[in-house]
C-alpha atoms as a PDB file:
ATOM      1  CA  GLU A   1     -24.285  72.377 -22.370  1.00  0.00           C
ATOM      2  CA  GLU A   2     -20.569  71.832 -22.355  1.00  0.00           C
ATOM      3  CA  ALA A   3     -20.692  70.859 -18.706  1.00  0.00           C
ATOM      4  CA  ILE A   4     -23.534  68.429 -19.460  1.00  0.00           C
ATOM      5  CA  ALA A   5     -21.610  67.031 -22.423  1.00  0.00           C
ATOM      6  CA  ALA A   6     -18.465  66.728 -20.305  1.00  0.00           C
ATOM      7  CA  ALA A   7     -20.436  65.027 -17.553  1.00  0.00           C
ATOM      8  CA  GLY A   8     -21.969  62.655 -20.102  1.00  0.00           C
ATOM      9  CA  ALA A   9     -18.545  61.872 -21.547  1.00  0.00           C
ATOM     10  CA  ALA A  10     -17.135  61.319 -18.052  1.00  0.00           C
ATOM     11  CA  GLN A  11     -20.084  59.063 -17.263  1.00  0.00           C
ATOM     12  CA  ALA A  12     -19.478  57.112 -20.475  1.00  0.00           C
ATOM     13  CA  ILE A  13     -15.804  56.756 -19.585  1.00  0.00           C
ATOM     14  CA  SER A  14     -16.727  55.654 -16.057  1.00  0.00           C
ATOM     15  CA  ARG A  15     -19.143  53.065 -17.480  1.00  0.00           C
ATOM     16  CA  GLU A  16     -16.436  51.801 -19.844  1.00  0.00           C
ATOM     17  CA  GLN A  17     -13.946  51.620 -16.971  1.00  0.00           C
ATOM     18  CA  LEU A  18     -16.545  49.773 -14.867  1.00  0.00           C
ATOM     19  CA  ARG A  19     -17.125  47.288 -17.707  1.00  0.00           C
ATOM     20  CA  SER A  20     -13.370  46.843 -18.059  1.00  0.00           C
ATOM     21  CA  VAL A  21     -12.988  46.226 -14.310  1.00  0.00           C
ATOM     22  CA  GLU A  22     -15.949  43.821 -14.340  1.00  0.00           C
ATOM     23  CA  SER A  23     -14.423  41.990 -17.303  1.00  0.00           C
ATOM     24  CA  GLU A  24     -11.050  41.719 -15.521  1.00  0.00           C
ATOM     25  CA  LEU A  25     -12.800  40.539 -12.362  1.00  0.00           C
ATOM     26  CA  ASP A  26     -14.737  37.894 -14.329  1.00  0.00           C
ATOM     27  CA  ALA A  27     -11.491  36.745 -15.968  1.00  0.00           C
ATOM     28  CA  ALA A  28      -9.753  36.574 -12.580  1.00  0.00           C
ATOM     29  CA  LEU A  29     -12.672  34.641 -11.076  1.00  0.00           C
ATOM     30  CA  ASN A  30     -12.689  32.220 -14.011  1.00  0.00           C
ATOM     31  CA  GLU A  31      -8.939  31.728 -13.634  1.00  0.00           C
ATOM     32  CA  GLN A  32      -9.356  31.126  -9.898  1.00  0.00           C
ATOM     33  CA  ASP A  33     -12.131  28.594 -10.585  1.00  0.00           C
ATOM     34  CA  GLU A  34      -9.886  26.809 -13.094  1.00  0.00           C
ATOM     35  CA  LEU A  35      -6.980  26.758 -10.630  1.00  0.00           C
ATOM     36  CA  GLU A  36      -9.234  25.366  -7.887  1.00  0.00           C
ATOM     37  CA  LYS A  37     -10.505  22.705 -10.289  1.00  0.00           C
ATOM     38  CA  GLN A  38      -6.939  21.732 -11.202  1.00  0.00           C
ATOM     39  CA  GLN A  39      -6.000  21.618  -7.514  1.00  0.00           C
ATOM     40  CA  GLN A  40      -8.961  19.335  -6.784  1.00  0.00           C
ATOM     41  CA  GLU A  41      -7.947  17.079  -9.678  1.00  0.00           C
ATOM     42  CA  ARG A  42      -4.375  16.906  -8.332  1.00  0.00           C
ATOM     43  CA  GLU A  43      -5.703  16.062  -4.876  1.00  0.00           C
ATOM     44  CA  VAL A  44      -7.860  13.271  -6.315  1.00  0.00           C
ATOM     45  CA  GLU A  45      -4.874  11.930  -8.276  1.00  0.00           C
ATOM     46  CA  PHE A  46      -2.744  12.091  -5.141  1.00  0.00           C
ATOM     47  CA  GLN A  47      -5.381  10.233  -3.127  1.00  0.00           C
ATOM     48  CA  ARG A  48      -5.586   7.584  -5.841  1.00  0.00           C
ATOM     49  CA  ALA A  49      -1.799   7.244  -5.852  1.00  0.00           C
ATOM     50  CA  VAL A  50      -1.764   6.897  -2.056  1.00  0.00           C
ATOM     51  CA  ALA A  51      -4.539   4.288  -2.205  1.00  0.00           C
ATOM     52  CA  ALA A  52      -2.673   2.376  -4.929  1.00  0.00           C
ATOM     53  CA  GLN A  53       0.527   2.467  -2.898  1.00  0.00           C
ATOM     54  CA  GLN A  54      -1.308   1.245   0.200  1.00  0.00           C
ATOM     55  CA  ALA A  55      -2.853  -1.573  -1.826  1.00  0.00           C
ATOM     56  CA  GLU A  56       0.598  -2.550  -3.158  1.00  0.00           C
ATOM     57  CA  GLU A  57       2.036  -2.502   0.356  1.00  0.00           C
ATOM     58  CA  ALA A  58      -0.841  -4.622   1.645  1.00  0.00           C
ATOM     59  CA  GLU A  59      -0.312  -7.123  -1.192  1.00  0.00           C
ATOM     60  CA  ARG A  60       3.431  -7.216  -0.518  1.00  0.00           C
ATOM     61  CA  LYS A  61       2.763  -7.803   3.197  1.00  0.00           C
ATOM     62  CA  ARG A  62       0.268 -10.568   2.379  1.00  0.00           C
ATOM     63  CA  ARG A  63       2.832 -12.286   0.128  1.00  0.00           C
ATOM     64  CA  LEU A  64       5.531 -11.973   2.780  1.00  0.00           C
ATOM     65  CA  ASP A  65       3.160 -13.416   5.371  1.00  0.00           C
ATOM     66  CA  GLU A  66       2.415 -16.334   3.043  1.00  0.00           C
ATOM     67  CA  GLU A  67       6.134 -16.888   2.413  1.00  0.00           C
ATOM     68  CA  ARG A  68       6.850 -16.805   6.146  1.00  0.00           C
ATOM     69  CA  ALA A  69       4.033 -19.255   6.808  1.00  0.00           C
ATOM     70  CA  ALA A  70       5.352 -21.550   4.073  1.00  0.00           C
ATOM     71  CA  ALA A  71       8.889 -21.314   5.467  1.00  0.00           C
ATOM     72  CA  LEU A  72       7.620 -22.094   8.961  1.00  0.00           C
ATOM     73  CA  SER A  73       5.615 -24.990   7.582  1.00  0.00           C
ATOM     74  CA  LYS A  74       8.688 -26.351   5.785  1.00  0.00           C
ATOM     75  CA  GLN A  75      10.720 -25.898   8.956  1.00  0.00           C
ATOM     76  CA  LYS A  76       8.119 -27.763  11.023  1.00  0.00           C
ATOM     77  CA  ILE A  77       7.968 -30.555   8.465  1.00  0.00           C
ATOM     78  CA  GLU A  78      11.767 -30.854   8.543  1.00  0.00           C
ATOM     79  CA  GLU A  79      11.750 -30.880  12.351  1.00  0.00           C
ATOM     80  CA  GLU A  80       9.086 -33.607  12.354  1.00  0.00           C
ATOM     81  CA  ARG A  81      11.071 -35.610   9.804  1.00  0.00           C
ATOM     82  CA  ARG A  82      14.185 -35.366  11.991  1.00  0.00           C
ATOM     83  CA  ALA A  83      12.185 -36.374  15.070  1.00  0.00           C
ATOM     84  CA  ILE A  84      10.740 -39.395  13.236  1.00  0.00           C
ATOM     85  CA  GLU A  85      14.224 -40.338  12.034  1.00  0.00           C
ATOM     86  CA  ALA A  86      15.584 -40.028  15.598  1.00  0.00           C
ATOM     87  CA  GLU A  87      12.737 -42.233  16.870  1.00  0.00           C
ATOM     88  CA  ARG A  88      13.452 -44.824  14.156  1.00  0.00           C
ATOM     89  CA  GLN A  89      17.136 -44.880  15.047  1.00  0.00           C
ATOM     90  CA  ALA A  90      16.287 -45.194  18.749  1.00  0.00           C
ATOM     91  CA  ARG A  91      13.958 -48.144  17.983  1.00  0.00           C
ATOM     92  CA  GLU A  92      16.700 -49.783  15.903  1.00  0.00           C
ATOM     93  CA  LYS A  93      19.199 -49.324  18.733  1.00  0.00           C
ATOM     94  CA  ILE A  94      16.731 -50.757  21.255  1.00  0.00           C
ATOM     95  CA  GLU A  95      16.080 -53.687  18.906  1.00  0.00           C
ATOM     96  CA  GLU A  96      19.844 -54.251  18.503  1.00  0.00           C
ATOM     97  CA  GLU A  97      20.300 -54.157  22.285  1.00  0.00           C
ATOM     98  CA  ARG A  98      17.372 -56.562  22.713  1.00  0.00           C
ATOM     99  CA  ARG A  99      18.947 -58.962  20.198  1.00  0.00           C
ATOM    100  CA  ALA A 100      22.336 -58.667  21.926  1.00  0.00           C
ATOM    101  CA  LEU A 101      20.722 -59.406  25.307  1.00  0.00           C
ATOM    102  CA  GLU A 102      18.822 -62.298  23.774  1.00  0.00           C
ATOM    103  CA  ALA A 103      22.061 -63.637  22.254  1.00  0.00           C
ATOM    104  CA  GLU A 104      23.832 -63.327  25.628  1.00  0.00           C
ATOM    105  CA  ARG A 105      20.946 -65.117  27.347  1.00  0.00           C
ATOM    106  CA  LEU A 106      21.043 -67.922  24.786  1.00  0.00           C
ATOM    107  CA  ALA A 107      24.822 -68.151  25.121  1.00  0.00           C
ATOM    108  CA  ARG A 108      24.509 -68.511  28.918  1.00  0.00           C
ATOM    109  CA  GLU A 109      21.968 -71.242  28.596  1.00  0.00           C
END
């Protein structure tokens, strides 16, 4: 009877140890699940941050492209204005020369 009682007590202790190990395993698995969930959340946040940074860079590039285009446009307008001014001055010079030639012709006559 003592051997049976001892075996029963040992079995009870083994069951309690098994429950304790199962409980620790469940706790470890729950902790691992929570850590994986947190890691996934950090990855999503990181991806969002990367996407936001890429969007900011794209917007900055778009603005720079617009500014460059505007600067080129202003430069072209200034070049055209200078060309028109040079043409006007050339026409005035030609007109002055024509008048001088006309005056010389009249003076010879």
